[in-house]
Amino acid sequence: MATSSVLLPVLLLVAVAGAEAATFTVINKCQYTVWAAAVPAGGGRKLDAGQTWSIDVPAGTTSGRVWARTGCSFDGAGNGRCQTGDCGGKLQCTQYGQAPNTLAEFGLNKYMGQDFFDISLIDGFNVPMSFVPAPGTSGCPKGGPRCPRVITPQCPSELRAAGGCNNACTVFKEDRYCCTGSAANNCGPTDYSRFFKGQCSDAYSYPKDDATSIFTCPGGTNYQVIFCP
């Protein structure tokens, strides 16, 4: 038993050492300013139209997010507020953003040496996005997800929010929309999730929407997150 307890931390260190870090290039192709956010690595940065931001994500980061915030105002100390995607009133995010916000989600070297990544509309929509392997990358069977359409004008009135379109779970907080409680094990699409899927077929539209929404690349792949692709 003593030998096992010593070996386990060593094996974990070897596994992390064998994993590869990734560079995420965040590109703002919108015709307006966004305040990009990334956790756990990155924090946040203002991106005017055409600007980019490079983030080095450490090896072994198994759960991360990148998103755009809109309608922000910050003081010199980095305190303020955003209309969409706000993360506790800070320019430098250390927590997830407030809905509605389009999400790029990822886990590096999560299983069998593969990165897993997706675009999620489970927290709603605020900015069009693509999340793709860097140019010249090989070994990614489906490429990467794209959600290039502006959904907000078509948003059902009951889901509309300032600057975006909420998911039904955020608005109604019912098990059937959130895949929780009585619907945790038998959750299926709803009219609202079908609306999001119809607008962005690559993206998660509800929590169990795995079959068409998960993308993979070999560990060590670099990525581009593009706003308004």
C-alpha atoms as a PDB file:
ATOM      1  CA  MET A   1       0.000   0.000   0.000  1.00  0.00           C
ATOM      2  CA  ALA A   2       2.830   2.392   0.831  1.00  0.00           C
ATOM      3  CA  THR A   3       4.391   1.752  -2.580  1.00  0.00           C
ATOM      4  CA  SER A   4       1.087   2.491  -4.348  1.00  0.00           C
ATOM      5  CA  SER A   5       0.587   5.747  -2.468  1.00  0.00           C
ATOM      6  CA  VAL A   6       4.052   6.904  -3.530  1.00  0.00           C
ATOM      7  CA  LEU A   7       3.660   5.825  -7.150  1.00  0.00           C
ATOM      8  CA  LEU A   8       0.288   7.517  -7.721  1.00  0.00           C
ATOM      9  CA  PRO A   9       1.536  11.128  -7.477  1.00  0.00           C
ATOM     10  CA  VAL A  10       4.542  10.201  -9.621  1.00  0.00           C
ATOM     11  CA  LEU A  11       2.314   8.699 -12.316  1.00  0.00           C
ATOM     12  CA  LEU A  12       0.083  11.775 -12.257  1.00  0.00           C
ATOM     13  CA  LEU A  13       3.112  14.020 -12.693  1.00  0.00           C
ATOM     14  CA  VAL A  14       4.311  11.918 -15.624  1.00  0.00           C
ATOM     15  CA  ALA A  15       0.856  12.105 -17.236  1.00  0.00           C
ATOM     16  CA  VAL A  16       0.726  15.897 -16.911  1.00  0.00           C
ATOM     17  CA  ALA A  17       4.299  16.217 -18.148  1.00  0.00           C
ATOM     18  CA  GLY A  18       3.397  14.143 -21.198  1.00  0.00           C
ATOM     19  CA  ALA A  19       0.463  16.398 -22.027  1.00  0.00           C
ATOM     20  CA  GLU A  20       0.993  19.326 -24.361  1.00  0.00           C
ATOM     21  CA  ALA A  21       0.054  22.950 -23.890  1.00  0.00           C
ATOM     22  CA  ALA A  22      -1.913  24.830 -26.537  1.00  0.00           C
ATOM     23  CA  THR A  23      -1.991  28.344 -27.921  1.00  0.00           C
ATOM     24  CA  PHE A  24      -5.426  29.871 -28.450  1.00  0.00           C
ATOM     25  CA  THR A  25      -5.591  32.828 -30.824  1.00  0.00           C
ATOM     26  CA  VAL A  26      -8.721  34.879 -30.200  1.00  0.00           C
ATOM     27  CA  ILE A  27      -9.681  37.029 -33.197  1.00  0.00           C
ATOM     28  CA  ASN A  28     -12.321  39.754 -33.247  1.00  0.00           C
ATOM     29  CA  LYS A  29     -13.766  40.002 -36.754  1.00  0.00           C
ATOM     30  CA  CYS A  30     -16.856  41.825 -35.517  1.00  0.00           C
ATOM     31  CA  GLN A  31     -17.340  45.413 -36.625  1.00  0.00           C
ATOM     32  CA  TYR A  32     -17.536  46.435 -32.984  1.00  0.00           C
ATOM     33  CA  THR A  33     -15.493  46.100 -29.799  1.00  0.00           C
ATOM     34  CA  VAL A  34     -15.771  43.010 -27.631  1.00  0.00           C
ATOM     35  CA  TRP A  35     -14.140  42.229 -24.320  1.00  0.00           C
ATOM     36  CA  ALA A  36     -12.820  38.703 -24.733  1.00  0.00           C
ATOM     37  CA  ALA A  37     -12.718  36.460 -21.677  1.00  0.00           C
ATOM     38  CA  ALA A  38     -11.002  33.155 -20.954  1.00  0.00           C
ATOM     39  CA  VAL A  39     -10.811  30.930 -17.886  1.00  0.00           C
ATOM     40  CA  PRO A  40      -8.913  29.368 -16.244  1.00  0.00           C
ATOM     41  CA  ALA A  41      -6.083  30.788 -18.391  1.00  0.00           C
ATOM     42  CA  GLY A  42      -6.186  34.248 -19.926  1.00  0.00           C
ATOM     43  CA  GLY A  43      -8.507  36.401 -17.851  1.00  0.00           C
ATOM     44  CA  GLY A  44      -9.762  39.090 -20.187  1.00  0.00           C
ATOM     45  CA  ARG A  45      -8.865  41.702 -22.769  1.00  0.00           C
ATOM     46  CA  LYS A  46     -10.543  44.436 -24.787  1.00  0.00           C
ATOM     47  CA  LEU A  47     -10.459  43.658 -28.508  1.00  0.00           C
ATOM     48  CA  ASP A  48     -11.378  46.332 -30.998  1.00  0.00           C
ATOM     49  CA  ALA A  49     -12.450  45.275 -34.498  1.00  0.00           C
ATOM     50  CA  GLY A  50      -9.627  43.329 -36.161  1.00  0.00           C
ATOM     51  CA  GLN A  51      -7.543  42.821 -33.021  1.00  0.00           C
ATOM     52  CA  THR A  52      -6.229  39.472 -31.775  1.00  0.00           C
ATOM     53  CA  TRP A  53      -5.221  38.005 -28.428  1.00  0.00           C
ATOM     54  CA  SER A  54      -2.919  35.016 -27.907  1.00  0.00           C
ATOM     55  CA  ILE A  55      -3.472  32.820 -24.849  1.00  0.00           C
ATOM     56  CA  ASP A  56      -1.126  30.051 -23.721  1.00  0.00           C
ATOM     57  CA  VAL A  57      -3.248  27.360 -22.090  1.00  0.00           C
ATOM     58  CA  PRO A  58      -1.254  25.025 -19.811  1.00  0.00           C
ATOM     59  CA  ALA A  59      -1.041  21.302 -20.444  1.00  0.00           C
ATOM     60  CA  GLY A  60      -3.566  19.346 -18.425  1.00  0.00           C
ATOM     61  CA  THR A  61      -6.284  22.020 -18.577  1.00  0.00           C
ATOM     62  CA  THR A  62      -9.293  19.713 -18.715  1.00  0.00           C
ATOM     63  CA  SER A  63     -12.015  22.365 -18.511  1.00  0.00           C
ATOM     64  CA  GLY A  64     -11.783  25.825 -20.047  1.00  0.00           C
ATOM     65  CA  ARG A  65     -13.926  28.473 -21.704  1.00  0.00           C
ATOM     66  CA  VAL A  66     -13.496  31.421 -24.048  1.00  0.00           C
ATOM     67  CA  TRP A  67     -16.272  33.919 -24.741  1.00  0.00           C
ATOM     68  CA  ALA A  68     -17.016  37.472 -25.823  1.00  0.00           C
ATOM     69  CA  ARG A  69     -18.470  40.148 -23.581  1.00  0.00           C
ATOM     70  CA  THR A  70     -20.361  43.071 -25.048  1.00  0.00           C
ATOM     71  CA  GLY A  71     -21.492  46.483 -23.869  1.00  0.00           C
ATOM     72  CA  CYS A  72     -18.727  46.774 -21.281  1.00  0.00           C
ATOM     73  CA  SER A  73     -17.369  49.707 -19.320  1.00  0.00           C
ATOM     74  CA  PHE A  74     -14.392  49.403 -16.961  1.00  0.00           C
ATOM     75  CA  ASP A  75     -12.457  51.891 -14.870  1.00  0.00           C
ATOM     76  CA  GLY A  76      -8.673  52.098 -14.658  1.00  0.00           C
ATOM     77  CA  ALA A  77      -8.608  49.371 -12.014  1.00  0.00           C
ATOM     78  CA  GLY A  78     -10.492  46.939 -14.260  1.00  0.00           C
ATOM     79  CA  ASN A  79     -13.791  47.171 -12.408  1.00  0.00           C
ATOM     80  CA  GLY A  80     -17.057  47.732 -14.235  1.00  0.00           C
ATOM     81  CA  ARG A  81     -19.870  45.866 -15.934  1.00  0.00           C
ATOM     82  CA  CYS A  82     -20.842  44.202 -19.224  1.00  0.00           C
ATOM     83  CA  GLN A  83     -24.259  43.873 -20.813  1.00  0.00           C
ATOM     84  CA  THR A  84     -23.575  40.248 -21.818  1.00  0.00           C
ATOM     85  CA  GLY A  85     -21.022  37.738 -20.562  1.00  0.00           C
ATOM     86  CA  ASP A  86     -20.156  39.711 -17.422  1.00  0.00           C
ATOM     87  CA  CYS A  87     -17.868  37.866 -14.990  1.00  0.00           C
ATOM     88  CA  GLY A  88     -18.459  39.536 -11.655  1.00  0.00           C
ATOM     89  CA  GLY A  89     -17.770  43.055 -12.888  1.00  0.00           C
ATOM     90  CA  LYS A  90     -14.082  42.425 -13.623  1.00  0.00           C
ATOM     91  CA  LEU A  91     -12.042  42.974 -16.778  1.00  0.00           C
ATOM     92  CA  GLN A  92      -9.863  40.014 -15.786  1.00  0.00           C
ATOM     93  CA  CYS A  93     -12.231  37.078 -15.450  1.00  0.00           C
ATOM     94  CA  THR A  94     -11.670  34.396 -12.841  1.00  0.00           C
ATOM     95  CA  GLN A  95     -15.232  33.046 -12.992  1.00  0.00           C
ATOM     96  CA  TYR A  96     -17.683  32.074 -15.696  1.00  0.00           C
ATOM     97  CA  GLY A  97     -19.647  34.711 -17.565  1.00  0.00           C
ATOM     98  CA  GLN A  98     -23.277  35.582 -17.014  1.00  0.00           C
ATOM     99  CA  ALA A  99     -25.811  34.397 -19.588  1.00  0.00           C
ATOM    100  CA  PRO A 100     -26.459  35.011 -22.377  1.00  0.00           C
ATOM    101  CA  ASN A 101     -23.081  34.271 -23.929  1.00  0.00           C
ATOM    102  CA  THR A 102     -21.839  32.046 -26.750  1.00  0.00           C
ATOM    103  CA  LEU A 103     -19.190  29.699 -25.337  1.00  0.00           C
ATOM    104  CA  ALA A 104     -16.097  28.000 -26.708  1.00  0.00           C
ATOM    105  CA  GLU A 105     -15.463  25.073 -24.340  1.00  0.00           C
ATOM    106  CA  PHE A 106     -12.463  22.751 -24.286  1.00  0.00           C
ATOM    107  CA  GLY A 107     -10.547  20.061 -22.432  1.00  0.00           C
ATOM    108  CA  LEU A 108      -6.912  19.436 -23.385  1.00  0.00           C
ATOM    109  CA  ASN A 109      -5.635  15.847 -23.521  1.00  0.00           C
ATOM    110  CA  LYS A 110      -8.837  14.797 -21.875  1.00  0.00           C
ATOM    111  CA  TYR A 111      -9.008  11.184 -23.091  1.00  0.00           C
ATOM    112  CA  MET A 112      -6.627   8.959 -25.060  1.00  0.00           C
ATOM    113  CA  GLY A 113      -4.388  11.898 -25.944  1.00  0.00           C
ATOM    114  CA  GLN A 114      -7.258  13.818 -27.548  1.00  0.00           C
ATOM    115  CA  ASP A 115      -8.499  17.360 -27.018  1.00  0.00           C
ATOM    116  CA  PHE A 116     -12.282  17.715 -26.815  1.00  0.00           C
ATOM    117  CA  PHE A 117     -13.903  21.020 -27.740  1.00  0.00           C
ATOM    118  CA  ASP A 118     -17.248  22.550 -28.696  1.00  0.00           C
ATOM    119  CA  ILE A 119     -19.355  25.659 -29.076  1.00  0.00           C
ATOM    120  CA  SER A 120     -22.190  25.790 -26.563  1.00  0.00           C
ATOM    121  CA  LEU A 121     -25.430  27.755 -26.632  1.00  0.00           C
ATOM    122  CA  ILE A 122     -26.537  26.247 -23.324  1.00  0.00           C
ATOM    123  CA  ASP A 123     -25.862  29.660 -21.773  1.00  0.00           C
ATOM    124  CA  GLY A 124     -27.560  31.365 -24.712  1.00  0.00           C
ATOM    125  CA  PHE A 125     -26.140  33.460 -27.552  1.00  0.00           C
ATOM    126  CA  ASN A 126     -24.550  36.883 -27.778  1.00  0.00           C
ATOM    127  CA  VAL A 127     -21.892  36.866 -30.551  1.00  0.00           C
ATOM    128  CA  PRO A 128     -21.358  34.625 -33.626  1.00  0.00           C
ATOM    129  CA  MET A 129     -18.326  32.365 -33.211  1.00  0.00           C
ATOM    130  CA  SER A 130     -16.147  29.724 -34.792  1.00  0.00           C
ATOM    131  CA  PHE A 131     -13.761  27.478 -32.834  1.00  0.00           C
ATOM    132  CA  VAL A 132     -11.342  25.776 -35.191  1.00  0.00           C
ATOM    133  CA  PRO A 133      -7.907  24.146 -35.257  1.00  0.00           C
ATOM    134  CA  ALA A 134      -5.137  26.503 -36.332  1.00  0.00           C
ATOM    135  CA  PRO A 135      -4.428  26.503 -40.094  1.00  0.00           C
ATOM    136  CA  GLY A 136      -2.275  23.573 -41.185  1.00  0.00           C
ATOM    137  CA  THR A 137      -3.479  21.273 -38.407  1.00  0.00           C
ATOM    138  CA  SER A 138      -4.112  17.609 -39.224  1.00  0.00           C
ATOM    139  CA  GLY A 139      -5.797  14.790 -37.349  1.00  0.00           C
ATOM    140  CA  CYS A 140      -9.058  16.615 -36.549  1.00  0.00           C
ATOM    141  CA  PRO A 141     -11.737  14.487 -38.235  1.00  0.00           C
ATOM    142  CA  LYS A 142     -14.515  17.092 -38.239  1.00  0.00           C
ATOM    143  CA  GLY A 143     -12.498  20.296 -38.173  1.00  0.00           C
ATOM    144  CA  GLY A 144     -14.156  22.605 -35.686  1.00  0.00           C
ATOM    145  CA  PRO A 145     -17.611  23.978 -34.846  1.00  0.00           C
ATOM    146  CA  ARG A 146     -18.975  27.131 -36.422  1.00  0.00           C
ATOM    147  CA  CYS A 147     -21.889  29.305 -35.388  1.00  0.00           C
ATOM    148  CA  PRO A 148     -21.641  32.224 -37.834  1.00  0.00           C
ATOM    149  CA  ARG A 149     -25.236  33.453 -37.794  1.00  0.00           C
ATOM    150  CA  VAL A 150     -26.601  36.321 -35.728  1.00  0.00           C
ATOM    151  CA  ILE A 151     -29.388  34.583 -33.822  1.00  0.00           C
ATOM    152  CA  THR A 152     -30.713  37.524 -31.810  1.00  0.00           C
ATOM    153  CA  PRO A 153     -33.243  38.888 -34.359  1.00  0.00           C
ATOM    154  CA  GLN A 154     -34.938  35.462 -34.576  1.00  0.00           C
ATOM    155  CA  CYS A 155     -34.883  34.856 -30.811  1.00  0.00           C
ATOM    156  CA  PRO A 156     -38.275  33.878 -29.346  1.00  0.00           C
ATOM    157  CA  SER A 157     -39.668  36.858 -27.466  1.00  0.00           C
ATOM    158  CA  GLU A 158     -39.720  35.009 -24.146  1.00  0.00           C
ATOM    159  CA  LEU A 159     -35.974  34.287 -24.427  1.00  0.00           C
ATOM    160  CA  ARG A 160     -34.846  37.748 -25.493  1.00  0.00           C
ATOM    161  CA  ALA A 161     -32.336  39.592 -23.346  1.00  0.00           C
ATOM    162  CA  ALA A 162     -30.478  42.856 -23.762  1.00  0.00           C
ATOM    163  CA  GLY A 163     -27.704  42.117 -26.249  1.00  0.00           C
ATOM    164  CA  GLY A 164     -28.507  38.449 -26.775  1.00  0.00           C
ATOM    165  CA  CYS A 165     -30.809  35.435 -26.636  1.00  0.00           C
ATOM    166  CA  ASN A 166     -31.159  33.334 -23.486  1.00  0.00           C
ATOM    167  CA  ASN A 167     -31.436  29.563 -23.367  1.00  0.00           C
ATOM    168  CA  ALA A 168     -34.701  28.182 -21.989  1.00  0.00           C
ATOM    169  CA  CYS A 169     -32.966  26.747 -18.907  1.00  0.00           C
ATOM    170  CA  THR A 170     -31.802  30.227 -17.883  1.00  0.00           C
ATOM    171  CA  VAL A 171     -35.295  31.693 -18.251  1.00  0.00           C
ATOM    172  CA  PHE A 172     -37.597  28.931 -17.006  1.00  0.00           C
ATOM    173  CA  LYS A 173     -35.253  26.885 -14.756  1.00  0.00           C
ATOM    174  CA  GLU A 174     -37.253  23.720 -15.435  1.00  0.00           C
ATOM    175  CA  ASP A 175     -35.786  20.205 -15.366  1.00  0.00           C
ATOM    176  CA  ARG A 176     -36.827  19.451 -18.952  1.00  0.00           C
ATOM    177  CA  TYR A 177     -34.804  22.404 -20.237  1.00  0.00           C
ATOM    178  CA  CYS A 178     -31.860  22.062 -17.838  1.00  0.00           C
ATOM    179  CA  CYS A 179     -31.580  18.235 -17.914  1.00  0.00           C
ATOM    180  CA  THR A 180     -31.654  18.162 -14.123  1.00  0.00           C
ATOM    181  CA  GLY A 181     -33.802  16.504 -11.464  1.00  0.00           C
ATOM    182  CA  SER A 182     -36.544  14.357 -12.979  1.00  0.00           C
ATOM    183  CA  ALA A 183     -35.075  14.843 -16.476  1.00  0.00           C
ATOM    184  CA  ALA A 184     -31.450  14.146 -15.605  1.00  0.00           C
ATOM    185  CA  ASN A 185     -31.416  10.704 -17.248  1.00  0.00           C
ATOM    186  CA  ASN A 186     -34.049  11.104 -19.965  1.00  0.00           C
ATOM    187  CA  CYS A 187     -33.467  14.592 -21.297  1.00  0.00           C
ATOM    188  CA  GLY A 188     -34.273  15.254 -24.942  1.00  0.00           C
ATOM    189  CA  PRO A 189     -34.564  18.193 -27.309  1.00  0.00           C
ATOM    190  CA  THR A 190     -37.332  20.752 -26.874  1.00  0.00           C
ATOM    191  CA  ASP A 191     -38.816  23.338 -29.211  1.00  0.00           C
ATOM    192  CA  TYR A 192     -36.408  25.893 -27.765  1.00  0.00           C
ATOM    193  CA  SER A 193     -33.315  23.721 -28.195  1.00  0.00           C
ATOM    194  CA  ARG A 194     -34.431  22.927 -31.758  1.00  0.00           C
ATOM    195  CA  PHE A 195     -34.526  26.669 -32.434  1.00  0.00           C
ATOM    196  CA  PHE A 196     -30.868  27.006 -31.399  1.00  0.00           C
ATOM    197  CA  LYS A 197     -29.865  23.852 -33.281  1.00  0.00           C
ATOM    198  CA  GLY A 198     -31.575  25.123 -36.392  1.00  0.00           C
ATOM    199  CA  GLN A 199     -29.569  28.333 -36.192  1.00  0.00           C
ATOM    200  CA  CYS A 200     -26.220  26.719 -35.290  1.00  0.00           C
ATOM    201  CA  SER A 201     -26.160  23.022 -36.142  1.00  0.00           C
ATOM    202  CA  ASP A 202     -22.610  22.496 -34.800  1.00  0.00           C
ATOM    203  CA  ALA A 203     -23.345  23.891 -31.337  1.00  0.00           C
ATOM    204  CA  TYR A 204     -24.675  22.370 -28.136  1.00  0.00           C
ATOM    205  CA  SER A 205     -28.332  23.362 -27.873  1.00  0.00           C
ATOM    206  CA  TYR A 206     -29.094  21.506 -24.617  1.00  0.00           C
ATOM    207  CA  PRO A 207     -26.893  19.606 -22.113  1.00  0.00           C
ATOM    208  CA  LYS A 208     -27.323  16.134 -23.692  1.00  0.00           C
ATOM    209  CA  ASP A 209     -26.732  17.312 -27.276  1.00  0.00           C
ATOM    210  CA  ASP A 210     -23.466  15.350 -27.540  1.00  0.00           C
ATOM    211  CA  ALA A 211     -23.823  13.395 -30.778  1.00  0.00           C
ATOM    212  CA  THR A 212     -23.397  16.292 -33.207  1.00  0.00           C
ATOM    213  CA  SER A 213     -21.642  18.807 -30.971  1.00  0.00           C
ATOM    214  CA  ILE A 214     -18.339  17.295 -29.748  1.00  0.00           C
ATOM    215  CA  PHE A 215     -15.173  17.821 -31.786  1.00  0.00           C
ATOM    216  CA  THR A 216     -11.725  16.280 -31.273  1.00  0.00           C
ATOM    217  CA  CYS A 217      -8.121  16.992 -32.198  1.00  0.00           C
ATOM    218  CA  PRO A 218      -4.818  15.443 -31.137  1.00  0.00           C
ATOM    219  CA  GLY A 219      -3.288  16.819 -27.960  1.00  0.00           C
ATOM    220  CA  GLY A 220      -0.917  19.675 -28.691  1.00  0.00           C
ATOM    221  CA  THR A 221      -3.183  21.245 -31.317  1.00  0.00           C
ATOM    222  CA  ASN A 222      -3.416  25.043 -31.379  1.00  0.00           C
ATOM    223  CA  TYR A 223      -6.766  26.746 -31.923  1.00  0.00           C
ATOM    224  CA  GLN A 224      -8.490  29.871 -33.184  1.00  0.00           C
ATOM    225  CA  VAL A 225     -11.589  31.316 -31.550  1.00  0.00           C
ATOM    226  CA  ILE A 226     -13.079  33.809 -33.996  1.00  0.00           C
ATOM    227  CA  PHE A 227     -15.852  36.233 -33.105  1.00  0.00           C
ATOM    228  CA  CYS A 228     -18.112  37.101 -36.087  1.00  0.00           C
ATOM    229  CA  PRO A 229     -16.339  34.679 -38.468  1.00  0.00           C
END
